[in-house]
Amino acid sequence: MKGLLRWLLLVLAAAAALQFFFLARIALMATVDPQSTTFQRSEAWRITAEKGQLRWAQRWMPYANISDNLKRAVIASEDGSFTNHDGVDWEALEKAWQRNAKAEEQAARRAPPRPTAHTQVAPKAVRPPKIVGGSTITQQLAKNVLLSGERTLLRKGQEFLLTFALEKMLSKERILEIYLNSVEWGEGVFGAEAAARHYYRKSAAQLTPYEAARLAVMLPRPKYFEKVPNSGYLASRASTIAARMYGVELP
């Protein structure tokens, strides 16, 4: 019994130490620009392992030096209520949950019957349902800067805790600044400045509304859209975001 109690105390102490570490990092982020994120380091390891060399582009830009066009476009595309929520957009999360449940139900209906001994032809595989996220910019920042990419209930719970900590300890402007400087915009391309120079050969301060909208639309699948820059969806969605971004409130 004493051994079990000692083990539980050690687990609790380790969990408390981990939370303290996270809080200390967030506090430091209030004044110190993060040099890299957990996601970036994992991507650097993957690219190096696969290609034998590291392709990497990132350059920190202060909030004032990033075009307001890009700020508005990213908020319009990723998190329309960014300036008003407490870190989690509960309404968007509920809608995403409902859409995912509906997609899974439809996929189950399309699933072929189980093969039998008399089956002559193997049934065609059914494409898995597309999972729609309801994460806010703050949640994405918590995940990319501090956490791994695994999808478990425990990691999701940790993401919520860190999201609320980010909102309490940092301003909305600082959260958006760190997000725009660290988010992925292609393989080995991180941050607004690197993205603007990679795709448009100009600074992030000089992005036009449509250029900013295209970059914002790329965010959920940056490596995919990097390979298909002439995607009809990308152009159409960018036009929609460009028209919507003027009503966005900036922090």
Protein backbone atom coordinates (compact mmCIF):
# COMPACT_ATOMS: atom_id res chain seq x y z
CA MET A 1 0.00 0.00 0.00
CA LYS A 2 2.84 2.38 0.85
CA GLY A 3 4.48 1.59 -2.50
CA LEU A 4 1.29 2.47 -4.37
CA LEU A 5 0.90 5.70 -2.42
CA ARG A 6 4.51 6.65 -3.10
CA TRP A 7 3.99 5.96 -6.81
CA LEU A 8 0.86 8.14 -6.90
CA LEU A 9 2.67 10.97 -5.14
CA LEU A 10 5.50 10.78 -7.66
CA VAL A 11 3.02 10.92 -10.56
CA LEU A 12 1.28 13.94 -9.01
CA ALA A 13 4.61 15.67 -8.38
CA ALA A 14 5.68 15.06 -12.00
CA ALA A 15 2.35 16.39 -13.30
CA ALA A 16 2.65 19.50 -11.10
CA ALA A 17 6.25 20.07 -12.26
CA LEU A 18 5.12 19.79 -15.90
CA GLN A 19 2.37 22.38 -15.36
CA PHE A 20 4.85 24.71 -13.67
CA PHE A 21 7.19 24.30 -16.64
CA PHE A 22 4.39 25.18 -19.07
CA LEU A 23 3.35 28.23 -17.04
CA ALA A 24 6.95 29.43 -16.81
CA ARG A 25 7.32 29.15 -20.58
CA ILE A 26 4.11 31.10 -21.16
CA ALA A 27 5.22 33.80 -18.72
CA LEU A 28 8.53 34.06 -20.56
CA MET A 29 6.69 34.38 -23.88
CA ALA A 30 5.16 37.64 -22.67
CA THR A 31 8.49 39.38 -23.27
CA VAL A 32 10.79 36.89 -25.03
CA ASP A 33 10.12 35.76 -28.61
CA PRO A 34 10.05 31.92 -28.82
CA GLN A 35 13.01 30.66 -30.87
CA SER A 36 11.18 27.49 -31.89
CA THR A 37 8.08 25.47 -31.09
CA THR A 38 7.49 21.82 -30.27
CA PHE A 39 5.87 21.35 -33.69
CA GLN A 40 8.75 23.05 -35.50
CA ARG A 41 11.32 20.86 -33.79
CA SER A 42 9.40 17.70 -34.69
CA GLU A 43 9.15 18.90 -38.31
CA ALA A 44 12.86 19.68 -38.41
CA TRP A 45 13.62 16.15 -37.24
CA ARG A 46 11.24 14.64 -39.82
CA ILE A 47 12.57 16.68 -42.76
CA THR A 48 16.19 15.93 -41.85
CA ALA A 49 15.47 12.20 -41.47
CA GLU A 50 13.59 11.99 -44.78
CA LYS A 51 15.74 14.23 -46.98
CA GLY A 52 19.13 14.17 -45.32
CA GLN A 53 19.23 17.95 -45.02
CA LEU A 54 17.17 20.58 -43.30
CA ARG A 55 15.16 23.04 -45.36
CA TRP A 56 14.16 25.81 -43.00
CA ALA A 57 12.93 29.39 -43.35
CA GLN A 58 11.80 31.59 -40.48
CA ARG A 59 12.38 35.20 -39.46
CA TRP A 60 10.65 36.88 -36.54
CA MET A 61 8.72 40.04 -37.38
CA PRO A 62 7.25 42.39 -34.73
CA TYR A 63 3.49 42.73 -34.71
CA ALA A 64 3.62 46.26 -36.16
CA ASN A 65 5.71 45.02 -39.14
CA ILE A 66 3.17 42.41 -40.24
CA SER A 67 0.55 43.64 -42.66
CA ASP A 68 -2.88 44.26 -41.13
CA ASN A 69 -4.19 42.53 -44.25
CA LEU A 70 -2.66 39.27 -43.06
CA LYS A 71 -3.85 39.72 -39.48
CA ARG A 72 -7.41 40.31 -40.65
CA ALA A 73 -7.30 37.49 -43.19
CA VAL A 74 -6.03 34.93 -40.67
CA ILE A 75 -8.66 35.89 -38.11
CA ALA A 76 -11.42 35.83 -40.76
CA SER A 77 -10.31 32.40 -41.97
CA GLU A 78 -9.26 30.69 -38.74
CA ASP A 79 -11.07 32.32 -35.81
CA GLY A 80 -13.67 34.99 -36.49
CA SER A 81 -14.40 35.65 -32.81
CA PHE A 82 -10.73 35.78 -31.76
CA THR A 83 -10.94 39.17 -30.06
CA ASN A 84 -14.05 38.24 -28.06
CA HIS A 85 -13.67 34.69 -26.75
CA ASP A 86 -11.75 33.48 -23.69
CA GLY A 87 -9.58 31.10 -25.70
CA VAL A 88 -12.22 28.56 -26.71
CA ASP A 89 -15.07 29.25 -29.13
CA TRP A 90 -17.63 26.90 -27.60
CA GLU A 91 -20.19 27.49 -30.36
CA ALA A 92 -17.69 26.66 -33.11
CA LEU A 93 -16.54 23.62 -31.14
CA GLU A 94 -20.11 22.34 -30.85
CA LYS A 95 -20.74 22.85 -34.57
CA ALA A 96 -17.51 21.01 -35.44
CA TRP A 97 -18.54 18.13 -33.17
CA GLN A 98 -21.93 17.90 -34.90
CA ARG A 99 -20.38 18.01 -38.40
CA ASN A 100 -17.87 15.29 -37.51
CA ALA A 101 -20.59 13.07 -36.01
CA LYS A 102 -22.68 13.50 -39.18
CA ALA A 103 -19.69 12.73 -41.41
CA GLU A 104 -18.91 9.55 -39.45
CA GLU A 105 -22.56 8.48 -39.68
CA GLN A 106 -22.58 8.98 -43.45
CA ALA A 107 -19.30 7.08 -43.81
CA ALA A 108 -20.77 4.18 -41.81
CA ARG A 109 -23.77 4.04 -44.18
CA ARG A 110 -21.47 3.93 -47.23
CA ALA A 111 -19.30 1.20 -45.74
CA PRO A 112 -19.48 -2.04 -47.80
CA PRO A 113 -20.80 -5.22 -46.18
CA ARG A 114 -18.31 -7.51 -44.54
CA PRO A 115 -16.75 -10.02 -46.94
CA THR A 116 -18.01 -13.58 -46.78
CA ALA A 117 -16.72 -16.90 -48.07
CA HIS A 118 -18.79 -16.38 -51.24
CA THR A 119 -17.51 -12.86 -51.96
CA GLN A 120 -15.85 -12.82 -55.39
CA VAL A 121 -14.54 -9.25 -55.46
CA ALA A 122 -13.04 -7.38 -52.57
CA PRO A 123 -15.23 -4.39 -51.61
CA LYS A 124 -13.90 -0.93 -52.40
CA ALA A 125 -12.38 0.94 -49.50
CA VAL A 126 -14.45 3.84 -48.20
CA ARG A 127 -12.70 7.15 -47.76
CA PRO A 128 -12.57 8.05 -44.06
CA PRO A 129 -14.68 11.05 -43.03
CA LYS A 130 -13.00 14.44 -43.07
CA ILE A 131 -12.49 15.67 -39.51
CA VAL A 132 -13.42 19.31 -39.02
CA GLY A 133 -11.73 21.22 -36.22
CA GLY A 134 -13.15 23.99 -34.08
CA SER A 135 -9.86 25.16 -32.60
CA THR A 136 -9.24 28.84 -32.01
CA ILE A 137 -5.99 30.64 -32.76
CA THR A 138 -5.10 30.44 -29.06
CA GLN A 139 -5.72 26.68 -29.00
CA GLN A 140 -3.59 26.19 -32.09
CA LEU A 141 -0.82 28.21 -30.47
CA ALA A 142 -1.02 26.12 -27.28
CA LYS A 143 -0.78 22.94 -29.32
CA ASN A 144 2.01 24.02 -31.69
CA VAL A 145 4.24 25.84 -29.20
CA LEU A 146 4.01 23.54 -26.20
CA LEU A 147 2.48 20.17 -27.07
CA SER A 148 2.97 17.17 -29.35
CA GLY A 149 0.72 16.36 -32.30
CA GLU A 150 -0.84 13.25 -30.78
CA ARG A 151 -4.64 13.11 -30.49
CA THR A 152 -5.69 11.83 -27.08
CA LEU A 153 -8.18 13.02 -24.51
CA LEU A 154 -5.35 13.70 -22.07
CA ARG A 155 -3.50 15.89 -24.57
CA LYS A 156 -6.73 17.70 -25.47
CA GLY A 157 -7.36 18.41 -21.80
CA GLN A 158 -3.84 19.78 -21.45
CA GLU A 159 -4.46 21.95 -24.53
CA PHE A 160 -7.51 23.51 -22.87
CA LEU A 161 -5.55 24.30 -19.70
CA LEU A 162 -2.72 25.92 -21.65
CA THR A 163 -5.20 27.83 -23.81
CA PHE A 164 -6.76 29.48 -20.75
CA ALA A 165 -3.28 30.17 -19.34
CA LEU A 166 -2.24 31.87 -22.58
CA GLU A 167 -5.35 34.05 -22.53
CA LYS A 168 -4.78 35.05 -18.89
CA MET A 169 -1.04 35.72 -19.13
CA LEU A 170 -0.69 37.20 -22.63
CA SER A 171 -2.56 39.91 -24.50
CA LYS A 172 -4.56 39.08 -27.63
CA GLU A 173 -2.05 41.09 -29.65
CA ARG A 174 0.86 39.05 -28.28
CA ILE A 175 -0.96 35.76 -28.92
CA LEU A 176 -1.59 36.73 -32.54
CA GLU A 177 1.99 37.98 -32.94
CA ILE A 178 3.48 34.68 -31.75
CA TYR A 179 1.00 32.67 -33.82
CA LEU A 180 1.78 34.56 -37.05
CA ASN A 181 5.51 34.15 -36.47
CA SER A 182 5.43 30.43 -35.71
CA VAL A 183 2.64 28.85 -37.76
CA GLU A 184 3.55 26.51 -40.65
CA TRP A 185 3.05 27.79 -44.23
CA GLY A 186 4.78 25.00 -46.15
CA GLU A 187 7.44 22.37 -45.67
CA GLY A 188 10.10 24.05 -43.56
CA VAL A 189 8.40 27.44 -44.00
CA PHE A 190 7.36 29.01 -40.68
CA GLY A 191 5.99 32.43 -39.90
CA ALA A 192 4.51 35.28 -41.90
CA GLU A 193 7.81 36.77 -43.11
CA ALA A 194 9.13 33.46 -44.44
CA ALA A 195 5.77 32.73 -46.10
CA ALA A 196 5.54 36.14 -47.78
CA ARG A 197 9.06 35.83 -49.18
CA HIS A 198 8.58 32.17 -50.19
CA TYR A 199 5.34 32.72 -52.12
CA TYR A 200 5.45 36.40 -53.15
CA ARG A 201 9.11 37.49 -52.89
CA LYS A 202 8.18 40.39 -50.61
CA SER A 203 8.01 41.25 -46.91
CA ALA A 204 5.02 40.37 -44.74
CA ALA A 205 4.52 44.13 -44.31
CA GLN A 206 3.76 44.49 -48.03
CA LEU A 207 1.11 41.81 -48.54
CA THR A 208 -1.98 42.87 -50.50
CA PRO A 209 -5.46 41.83 -49.27
CA TYR A 210 -5.72 38.98 -51.79
CA GLU A 211 -2.19 37.70 -51.13
CA ALA A 212 -2.92 37.73 -47.41
CA ALA A 213 -6.20 35.89 -47.97
CA ARG A 214 -4.47 33.15 -49.98
CA LEU A 215 -1.91 32.64 -47.22
CA ALA A 216 -4.68 32.49 -44.61
CA VAL A 217 -6.62 29.87 -46.58
CA MET A 218 -3.49 27.70 -46.81
CA LEU A 219 -3.16 27.35 -43.04
CA PRO A 220 -5.18 24.16 -42.40
CA ARG A 221 -3.20 22.29 -45.13
CA PRO A 222 -0.08 24.33 -45.95
CA LYS A 223 2.07 21.53 -47.37
CA TYR A 224 -0.78 20.40 -49.65
CA PHE A 225 -1.49 23.87 -51.05
CA GLU A 226 2.23 24.51 -51.47
CA LYS A 227 2.20 21.68 -54.03
CA VAL A 228 -1.03 22.82 -55.77
CA PRO A 229 -0.79 26.63 -55.89
CA ASN A 230 -3.29 26.76 -58.78
CA SER A 231 -6.02 25.01 -56.77
CA GLY A 232 -9.48 26.28 -57.70
CA TYR A 233 -10.60 25.92 -54.10
CA LEU A 234 -7.68 28.05 -52.89
CA ALA A 235 -8.53 30.87 -55.31
CA SER A 236 -12.26 30.75 -54.60
CA ARG A 237 -11.89 30.59 -50.83
CA ALA A 238 -9.28 33.37 -50.87
CA SER A 239 -11.74 35.65 -52.66
CA THR A 240 -14.34 34.92 -49.98
CA ILE A 241 -11.89 35.68 -47.16
CA ALA A 242 -10.65 38.85 -48.91
CA ALA A 243 -14.24 40.13 -49.02
CA ARG A 244 -14.87 39.19 -45.38
CA MET A 245 -11.66 40.45 -43.77
CA TYR A 246 -12.57 44.16 -43.74
CA GLY A 247 -15.16 43.52 -41.05
CA VAL A 248 -12.60 41.87 -38.76
CA GLU A 249 -11.67 43.56 -35.49
CA LEU A 250 -7.95 43.57 -34.73
CA PRO A 251 -6.57 43.31 -31.16
